[in-house]
Amino acid sequence: MERMFDQASLIKTIKDGVKKGYWTLNDIDKPPPGWTEVVNDCKGNPLFPNGYQGVKYQNLARVKAPKPKKEKIEIIDPKDLPTYDF
């Protein structure tokens, strides 16, 4: 199953928002309040003995965008096509 958004498009969108002035790099450097709340709730919680072990927060505007994947086309071999004897 493919992801809904690929990381390259997310990075491009965030960097475009910074250029247009929707937010600054410093705004994105600190994690959102919901993220820090989840991390803090995992600390000392008996259900999470090792604390938060999910994805580490990072500012995607400071990450180098990966190269987009090249689309691949499957070539159909003629021997795979049905044969009809008339």
PDB file of N, CA and C in Angstrom:
ATOM      1  N   MET A   1       0.842  -1.172   0.000  1.00  0.00           N
ATOM      2  CA  MET A   1       0.000   0.000   0.000  1.00  0.00           C
ATOM      3  C   MET A   1       0.894   1.244   0.000  1.00  0.00           C
ATOM      4  N   GLU A   2       0.563   2.202  -0.822  1.00  0.00           N
ATOM      5  CA  GLU A   2       1.359   3.417  -0.915  1.00  0.00           C
ATOM      6  C   GLU A   2       0.898   4.430   0.124  1.00  0.00           C
ATOM      7  N   ARG A   3       1.825   5.284   0.529  1.00  0.00           N
ATOM      8  CA  ARG A   3       1.482   6.340   1.476  1.00  0.00           C
ATOM      9  C   ARG A   3       0.640   7.404   0.784  1.00  0.00           C
ATOM     10  N   MET A   4      -0.143   8.101   1.565  1.00  0.00           N
ATOM     11  CA  MET A   4      -1.001   9.132   1.007  1.00  0.00           C
ATOM     12  C   MET A   4      -0.178  10.296   0.468  1.00  0.00           C
ATOM     13  N   PHE A   5       0.865  10.664   1.197  1.00  0.00           N
ATOM     14  CA  PHE A   5       1.756  11.743   0.779  1.00  0.00           C
ATOM     15  C   PHE A   5       3.175  11.210   0.804  1.00  0.00           C
ATOM     16  N   ASP A   6       3.938  11.488  -0.221  1.00  0.00           N
ATOM     17  CA  ASP A   6       5.337  11.106  -0.159  1.00  0.00           C
ATOM     18  C   ASP A   6       6.132  12.230   0.500  1.00  0.00           C
ATOM     19  N   GLN A   7       7.280  11.884   1.053  1.00  0.00           N
ATOM     20  CA  GLN A   7       8.054  12.835   1.841  1.00  0.00           C
ATOM     21  C   GLN A   7       8.558  13.994   0.976  1.00  0.00           C
ATOM     22  N   ALA A   8       8.874  13.739  -0.289  1.00  0.00           N
ATOM     23  CA  ALA A   8       9.372  14.803  -1.161  1.00  0.00           C
ATOM     24  C   ALA A   8       8.332  15.898  -1.355  1.00  0.00           C
ATOM     25  N   SER A   9       7.064  15.527  -1.533  1.00  0.00           N
ATOM     26  CA  SER A   9       6.026  16.539  -1.726  1.00  0.00           C
ATOM     27  C   SER A   9       5.752  17.306  -0.434  1.00  0.00           C
ATOM     28  N   LEU A  10       5.849  16.628   0.723  1.00  0.00           N
ATOM     29  CA  LEU A  10       5.667  17.318   1.996  1.00  0.00           C
ATOM     30  C   LEU A  10       6.768  18.349   2.224  1.00  0.00           C
ATOM     31  N   ILE A  11       8.001  17.982   1.929  1.00  0.00           N
ATOM     32  CA  ILE A  11       9.119  18.910   2.095  1.00  0.00           C
ATOM     33  C   ILE A  11       8.946  20.113   1.182  1.00  0.00           C
ATOM     34  N   LYS A  12       8.528  19.864  -0.053  1.00  0.00           N
ATOM     35  CA  LYS A  12       8.319  20.957  -1.004  1.00  0.00           C
ATOM     36  C   LYS A  12       7.210  21.896  -0.520  1.00  0.00           C
ATOM     37  N   THR A  13       6.124  21.350  -0.017  1.00  0.00           N
ATOM     38  CA  THR A  13       5.015  22.160   0.477  1.00  0.00           C
ATOM     39  C   THR A  13       5.437  23.013   1.669  1.00  0.00           C
ATOM     40  N   ILE A  14       6.192  22.431   2.595  1.00  0.00           N
ATOM     41  CA  ILE A  14       6.638  23.177   3.773  1.00  0.00           C
ATOM     42  C   ILE A  14       7.589  24.300   3.371  1.00  0.00           C
ATOM     43  N   LYS A  15       8.518  24.006   2.464  1.00  0.00           N
ATOM     44  CA  LYS A  15       9.467  25.026   2.029  1.00  0.00           C
ATOM     45  C   LYS A  15       8.764  26.147   1.257  1.00  0.00           C
ATOM     46  N   ASP A  16       7.742  25.816   0.480  1.00  0.00           N
ATOM     47  CA  ASP A  16       6.960  26.848  -0.208  1.00  0.00           C
ATOM     48  C   ASP A  16       6.226  27.733   0.791  1.00  0.00           C
ATOM     49  N   GLY A  17       5.705  27.147   1.869  1.00  0.00           N
ATOM     50  CA  GLY A  17       5.031  27.923   2.907  1.00  0.00           C
ATOM     51  C   GLY A  17       5.976  28.879   3.619  1.00  0.00           C
ATOM     52  N   VAL A  18       7.229  28.436   3.811  1.00  0.00           N
ATOM     53  CA  VAL A  18       8.223  29.310   4.434  1.00  0.00           C
ATOM     54  C   VAL A  18       8.536  30.480   3.509  1.00  0.00           C
ATOM     55  N   LYS A  19       8.691  30.204   2.204  1.00  0.00           N
ATOM     56  CA  LYS A  19       8.978  31.265   1.233  1.00  0.00           C
ATOM     57  C   LYS A  19       7.848  32.285   1.144  1.00  0.00           C
ATOM     58  N   LYS A  20       6.601  31.809   1.263  1.00  0.00           N
ATOM     59  CA  LYS A  20       5.442  32.704   1.166  1.00  0.00           C
ATOM     60  C   LYS A  20       5.159  33.427   2.474  1.00  0.00           C
ATOM     61  N   GLY A  21       5.857  33.059   3.545  1.00  0.00           N
ATOM     62  CA  GLY A  21       5.698  33.747   4.814  1.00  0.00           C
ATOM     63  C   GLY A  21       4.566  33.223   5.684  1.00  0.00           C
ATOM     64  N   TYR A  22       4.059  32.029   5.379  1.00  0.00           N
ATOM     65  CA  TYR A  22       3.000  31.448   6.214  1.00  0.00           C
ATOM     66  C   TYR A  22       3.532  31.118   7.604  1.00  0.00           C
ATOM     67  N   TRP A  23       4.799  30.708   7.679  1.00  0.00           N
ATOM     68  CA  TRP A  23       5.468  30.420   8.934  1.00  0.00           C
ATOM     69  C   TRP A  23       6.969  30.594   8.726  1.00  0.00           C
ATOM     70  N   THR A  24       7.715  30.572   9.819  1.00  0.00           N
ATOM     71  CA  THR A  24       9.170  30.728   9.730  1.00  0.00           C
ATOM     72  C   THR A  24       9.831  29.394  10.091  1.00  0.00           C
ATOM     73  N   LEU A  25      11.122  29.305   9.792  1.00  0.00           N
ATOM     74  CA  LEU A  25      11.853  28.088  10.150  1.00  0.00           C
ATOM     75  C   LEU A  25      11.886  27.893  11.661  1.00  0.00           C
ATOM     76  N   ASN A  26      11.962  28.990  12.401  1.00  0.00           N
ATOM     77  CA  ASN A  26      11.967  28.883  13.859  1.00  0.00           C
ATOM     78  C   ASN A  26      10.639  28.363  14.395  1.00  0.00           C
ATOM     79  N   ASP A  27       9.529  28.710  13.719  1.00  0.00           N
ATOM     80  CA  ASP A  27       8.223  28.192  14.129  1.00  0.00           C
ATOM     81  C   ASP A  27       8.174  26.672  13.987  1.00  0.00           C
ATOM     82  N   ILE A  28       8.807  26.167  12.948  1.00  0.00           N
ATOM     83  CA  ILE A  28       8.747  24.732  12.664  1.00  0.00           C
ATOM     84  C   ILE A  28       9.795  23.955  13.450  1.00  0.00           C
ATOM     85  N   ASP A  29      10.823  24.627  13.967  1.00  0.00           N
ATOM     86  CA  ASP A  29      11.877  23.939  14.716  1.00  0.00           C
ATOM     87  C   ASP A  29      11.363  23.288  15.996  1.00  0.00           C
ATOM     88  N   LYS A  30      10.409  23.935  16.653  1.00  0.00           N
ATOM     89  CA  LYS A  30       9.893  23.344  17.893  1.00  0.00           C
ATOM     90  C   LYS A  30       8.675  22.474  17.561  1.00  0.00           C
ATOM     91  N   PRO A  31       8.583  21.308  18.205  1.00  0.00           N
ATOM     92  CA  PRO A  31       7.454  20.414  17.921  1.00  0.00           C
ATOM     93  C   PRO A  31       6.131  21.038  18.356  1.00  0.00           C
ATOM     94  N   PRO A  32       5.038  20.660  17.713  1.00  0.00           N
ATOM     95  CA  PRO A  32       3.730  21.191  18.095  1.00  0.00           C
ATOM     96  C   PRO A  32       3.323  20.719  19.491  1.00  0.00           C
ATOM     97  N   PRO A  33       2.402  21.446  20.117  1.00  0.00           N
ATOM     98  CA  PRO A  33       2.009  21.090  21.490  1.00  0.00           C
ATOM     99  C   PRO A  33       1.458  19.673  21.620  1.00  0.00           C
ATOM    100  N   GLY A  34       0.721  19.214  20.649  1.00  0.00           N
ATOM    101  CA  GLY A  34       0.177  17.857  20.715  1.00  0.00           C
ATOM    102  C   GLY A  34       1.259  16.799  20.718  1.00  0.00           C
ATOM    103  N   TRP A  35       2.301  17.037  19.960  1.00  0.00           N
ATOM    104  CA  TRP A  35       3.425  16.099  19.896  1.00  0.00           C
ATOM    105  C   TRP A  35       4.121  16.008  21.252  1.00  0.00           C
ATOM    106  N   THR A  36       4.416  17.170  21.837  1.00  0.00           N
ATOM    107  CA  THR A  36       5.110  17.162  23.127  1.00  0.00           C
ATOM    108  C   THR A  36       4.215  16.571  24.220  1.00  0.00           C
ATOM    109  N   GLU A  37       2.915  16.756  24.102  1.00  0.00           N
ATOM    110  CA  GLU A  37       2.001  16.175  25.087  1.00  0.00           C
ATOM    111  C   GLU A  37       2.041  14.655  25.037  1.00  0.00           C
ATOM    112  N   VAL A  38       2.064  14.101  23.842  1.00  0.00           N
ATOM    113  CA  VAL A  38       2.131  12.640  23.700  1.00  0.00           C
ATOM    114  C   VAL A  38       3.441  12.114  24.277  1.00  0.00           C
ATOM    115  N   VAL A  39       4.549  12.768  23.959  1.00  0.00           N
ATOM    116  CA  VAL A  39       5.856  12.327  24.463  1.00  0.00           C
ATOM    117  C   VAL A  39       5.877  12.408  25.983  1.00  0.00           C
ATOM    118  N   ASN A  40       5.353  13.485  26.550  1.00  0.00           N
ATOM    119  CA  ASN A  40       5.345  13.643  28.007  1.00  0.00           C
ATOM    120  C   ASN A  40       4.401  12.654  28.687  1.00  0.00           C
ATOM    121  N   ASP A  41       3.276  12.329  28.034  1.00  0.00           N
ATOM    122  CA  ASP A  41       2.351  11.358  28.614  1.00  0.00           C
ATOM    123  C   ASP A  41       2.947   9.952  28.656  1.00  0.00           C
ATOM    124  N   CYS A  42       3.844   9.655  27.739  1.00  0.00           N
ATOM    125  CA  CYS A  42       4.471   8.329  27.718  1.00  0.00           C
ATOM    126  C   CYS A  42       5.515   8.169  28.808  1.00  0.00           C
ATOM    127  N   LYS A  43       6.078   9.287  29.274  1.00  0.00           N
ATOM    128  CA  LYS A  43       7.088   9.214  30.334  1.00  0.00           C
ATOM    129  C   LYS A  43       6.425   8.819  31.648  1.00  0.00           C
ATOM    130  N   GLY A  44       6.906   7.767  32.267  1.00  0.00           N
ATOM    131  CA  GLY A  44       6.375   7.329  33.553  1.00  0.00           C
ATOM    132  C   GLY A  44       5.067   6.578  33.459  1.00  0.00           C
ATOM    133  N   ASN A  45       4.541   6.380  32.283  1.00  0.00           N
ATOM    134  CA  ASN A  45       3.295   5.644  32.113  1.00  0.00           C
ATOM    135  C   ASN A  45       3.607   4.150  32.109  1.00  0.00           C
ATOM    136  N   PRO A  46       2.897   3.360  32.941  1.00  0.00           N
ATOM    137  CA  PRO A  46       3.193   1.920  32.997  1.00  0.00           C
ATOM    138  C   PRO A  46       2.901   1.189  31.681  1.00  0.00           C
ATOM    139  N   LEU A  47       2.039   1.753  30.850  1.00  0.00           N
ATOM    140  CA  LEU A  47       1.769   1.124  29.560  1.00  0.00           C
ATOM    141  C   LEU A  47       2.937   1.299  28.584  1.00  0.00           C
ATOM    142  N   PHE A  48       3.781   2.291  28.832  1.00  0.00           N
ATOM    143  CA  PHE A  48       4.944   2.557  27.990  1.00  0.00           C
ATOM    144  C   PHE A  48       6.192   2.536  28.872  1.00  0.00           C
ATOM    145  N   PRO A  49       6.678   1.342  29.238  1.00  0.00           N
ATOM    146  CA  PRO A  49       7.799   1.276  30.176  1.00  0.00           C
ATOM    147  C   PRO A  49       9.085   1.913  29.635  1.00  0.00           C
ATOM    148  N   ASN A  50       9.250   1.944  28.333  1.00  0.00           N
ATOM    149  CA  ASN A  50      10.449   2.539  27.736  1.00  0.00           C
ATOM    150  C   ASN A  50      10.209   3.964  27.272  1.00  0.00           C
ATOM    151  N   GLY A  51       9.063   4.538  27.586  1.00  0.00           N
ATOM    152  CA  GLY A  51       8.733   5.888  27.151  1.00  0.00           C
ATOM    153  C   GLY A  51       8.289   5.901  25.688  1.00  0.00           C
ATOM    154  N   TYR A  52       8.300   7.072  25.107  1.00  0.00           N
ATOM    155  CA  TYR A  52       7.876   7.232  23.715  1.00  0.00           C
ATOM    156  C   TYR A  52       8.924   6.636  22.789  1.00  0.00           C
ATOM    157  N   GLN A  53       8.511   5.759  21.886  1.00  0.00           N
ATOM    158  CA  GLN A  53       9.430   5.130  20.950  1.00  0.00           C
ATOM    159  C   GLN A  53       8.971   5.306  19.514  1.00  0.00           C
ATOM    160  N   GLY A  54       8.172   6.317  19.265  1.00  0.00           N
ATOM    161  CA  GLY A  54       7.666   6.545  17.915  1.00  0.00           C
ATOM    162  C   GLY A  54       8.656   7.299  17.048  1.00  0.00           C
ATOM    163  N   VAL A  55       8.133   7.952  16.040  1.00  0.00           N
ATOM    164  CA  VAL A  55       8.943   8.703  15.102  1.00  0.00           C
ATOM    165  C   VAL A  55       9.505   9.940  15.786  1.00  0.00           C
ATOM    166  N   LYS A  56      10.779  10.208  15.563  1.00  0.00           N
ATOM    167  CA  LYS A  56      11.425  11.370  16.152  1.00  0.00           C
ATOM    168  C   LYS A  56      11.016  12.617  15.364  1.00  0.00           C
ATOM    169  N   TYR A  57      10.700  13.697  16.065  1.00  0.00           N
ATOM    170  CA  TYR A  57      10.299  14.933  15.406  1.00  0.00           C
ATOM    171  C   TYR A  57      11.496  15.576  14.723  1.00  0.00           C
ATOM    172  N   GLN A  58      11.272  16.048  13.507  1.00  0.00           N
ATOM    173  CA  GLN A  58      12.310  16.797  12.806  1.00  0.00           C
ATOM    174  C   GLN A  58      11.655  17.853  11.920  1.00  0.00           C
ATOM    175  N   ASN A  59      12.358  18.939  11.727  1.00  0.00           N
ATOM    176  CA  ASN A  59      11.886  20.025  10.880  1.00  0.00           C
ATOM    177  C   ASN A  59      12.161  19.637   9.436  1.00  0.00           C
ATOM    178  N   LEU A  60      11.115  19.309   8.685  1.00  0.00           N
ATOM    179  CA  LEU A  60      11.289  18.864   7.308  1.00  0.00           C
ATOM    180  C   LEU A  60      11.754  19.980   6.388  1.00  0.00           C
ATOM    181  N   ALA A  61      11.623  21.236   6.814  1.00  0.00           N
ATOM    182  CA  ALA A  61      12.112  22.340   5.991  1.00  0.00           C
ATOM    183  C   ALA A  61      13.635  22.395   6.000  1.00  0.00           C
ATOM    184  N   ARG A  62      14.255  21.751   6.962  1.00  0.00           N
ATOM    185  CA  ARG A  62      15.715  21.737   7.050  1.00  0.00           C
ATOM    186  C   ARG A  62      16.303  20.436   6.504  1.00  0.00           C
ATOM    187  N   VAL A  63      15.456  19.543   6.038  1.00  0.00           N
ATOM    188  CA  VAL A  63      15.907  18.263   5.496  1.00  0.00           C
ATOM    189  C   VAL A  63      16.033  18.386   3.985  1.00  0.00           C
ATOM    190  N   LYS A  64      17.073  17.788   3.435  1.00  0.00           N
ATOM    191  CA  LYS A  64      17.251  17.794   1.985  1.00  0.00           C
ATOM    192  C   LYS A  64      16.215  16.859   1.370  1.00  0.00           C
ATOM    193  N   ALA A  65      15.520  17.346   0.369  1.00  0.00           N
ATOM    194  CA  ALA A  65      14.456  16.567  -0.257  1.00  0.00           C
ATOM    195  C   ALA A  65      15.038  15.391  -1.022  1.00  0.00           C
ATOM    196  N   PRO A  66      14.461  14.200  -0.828  1.00  0.00           N
ATOM    197  CA  PRO A  66      14.941  13.046  -1.594  1.00  0.00           C
ATOM    198  C   PRO A  66      14.507  13.160  -3.055  1.00  0.00           C
ATOM    199  N   LYS A  67      15.256  12.508  -3.907  1.00  0.00           N
ATOM    200  CA  LYS A  67      14.892  12.518  -5.322  1.00  0.00           C
ATOM    201  C   LYS A  67      13.631  11.694  -5.510  1.00  0.00           C
ATOM    202  N   PRO A  68      12.696  12.183  -6.336  1.00  0.00           N
ATOM    203  CA  PRO A  68      11.470  11.410  -6.551  1.00  0.00           C
ATOM    204  C   PRO A  68      11.776  10.086  -7.240  1.00  0.00           C
ATOM    205  N   LYS A  69      10.994   9.087  -6.908  1.00  0.00           N
ATOM    206  CA  LYS A  69      11.199   7.771  -7.498  1.00  0.00           C
ATOM    207  C   LYS A  69      10.760   7.782  -8.954  1.00  0.00           C
ATOM    208  N   LYS A  70      11.515   7.081  -9.755  1.00  0.00           N
ATOM    209  CA  LYS A  70      11.196   6.993 -11.169  1.00  0.00           C
ATOM    210  C   LYS A  70      10.083   5.975 -11.364  1.00  0.00           C
ATOM    211  N   GLU A  71       9.098   6.333 -12.178  1.00  0.00           N
ATOM    212  CA  GLU A  71       8.015   5.392 -12.435  1.00  0.00           C
ATOM    213  C   GLU A  71       8.509   4.277 -13.339  1.00  0.00           C
ATOM    214  N   LYS A  72       8.083   3.092 -13.025  1.00  0.00           N
ATOM    215  CA  LYS A  72       8.493   1.930 -13.802  1.00  0.00           C
ATOM    216  C   LYS A  72       7.286   1.375 -14.538  1.00  0.00           C
ATOM    217  N   ILE A  73       7.520   0.979 -15.759  1.00  0.00           N
ATOM    218  CA  ILE A  73       6.456   0.398 -16.579  1.00  0.00           C
ATOM    219  C   ILE A  73       6.819  -1.051 -16.851  1.00  0.00           C
ATOM    220  N   GLU A  74       5.865  -1.933 -16.620  1.00  0.00           N
ATOM    221  CA  GLU A  74       6.096  -3.335 -16.872  1.00  0.00           C
ATOM    222  C   GLU A  74       5.847  -3.625 -18.343  1.00  0.00           C
ATOM    223  N   ILE A  75       6.832  -4.186 -18.986  1.00  0.00           N
ATOM    224  CA  ILE A  75       6.702  -4.540 -20.396  1.00  0.00           C
ATOM    225  C   ILE A  75       6.108  -5.934 -20.470  1.00  0.00           C
ATOM    226  N   ILE A  76       5.062  -6.059 -21.260  1.00  0.00           N
ATOM    227  CA  ILE A  76       4.382  -7.346 -21.383  1.00  0.00           C
ATOM    228  C   ILE A  76       5.113  -8.184 -22.414  1.00  0.00           C
ATOM    229  N   ASP A  77       5.456  -9.376 -22.009  1.00  0.00           N
ATOM    230  CA  ASP A  77       6.133 -10.303 -22.900  1.00  0.00           C
ATOM    231  C   ASP A  77       5.091 -10.923 -23.823  1.00  0.00           C
ATOM    232  N   PRO A  78       5.338 -10.985 -25.131  1.00  0.00           N
ATOM    233  CA  PRO A  78       4.347 -11.554 -26.055  1.00  0.00           C
ATOM    234  C   PRO A  78       3.946 -12.981 -25.712  1.00  0.00           C
ATOM    235  N   LYS A  79       4.834 -13.734 -25.096  1.00  0.00           N
ATOM    236  CA  LYS A  79       4.471 -15.115 -24.740  1.00  0.00           C
ATOM    237  C   LYS A  79       3.435 -15.160 -23.615  1.00  0.00           C
ATOM    238  N   ASP A  80       3.241 -14.028 -22.889  1.00  0.00           N
ATOM    239  CA  ASP A  80       2.238 -13.980 -21.830  1.00  0.00           C
ATOM    240  C   ASP A  80       0.837 -13.700 -22.368  1.00  0.00           C
ATOM    241  N   LEU A  81       0.736 -13.276 -23.619  1.00  0.00           N
ATOM    242  CA  LEU A  81      -0.573 -12.978 -24.220  1.00  0.00           C
ATOM    243  C   LEU A  81      -1.252 -14.279 -24.611  1.00  0.00           C
ATOM    244  N   PRO A  82      -2.571 -14.288 -24.549  1.00  0.00           N
ATOM    245  CA  PRO A  82      -3.280 -15.527 -24.909  1.00  0.00           C
ATOM    246  C   PRO A  82      -3.128 -15.812 -26.412  1.00  0.00           C
ATOM    247  N   THR A  83      -3.073 -17.081 -26.711  1.00  0.00           N
ATOM    248  CA  THR A  83      -3.013 -17.498 -28.118  1.00  0.00           C
ATOM    249  C   THR A  83      -4.337 -18.165 -28.482  1.00  0.00           C
ATOM    250  N   TYR A  84      -4.791 -17.888 -29.669  1.00  0.00           N
ATOM    251  CA  TYR A  84      -6.043 -18.454 -30.133  1.00  0.00           C
ATOM    252  C   TYR A  84      -5.774 -19.268 -31.387  1.00  0.00           C
ATOM    253  N   ASP A  85      -6.307 -20.464 -31.424  1.00  0.00           N
ATOM    254  CA  ASP A  85      -6.217 -21.309 -32.629  1.00  0.00           C
ATOM    255  C   ASP A  85      -7.571 -21.293 -33.332  1.00  0.00           C
ATOM    256  N   PHE A  86      -7.593 -20.753 -34.539  1.00  0.00           N
ATOM    257  CA  PHE A  86      -8.857 -20.684 -35.296  1.00  0.00           C
ATOM    258  C   PHE A  86      -8.867 -21.710 -36.385  1.00  0.00           C
TER     259      PHE A  86
END
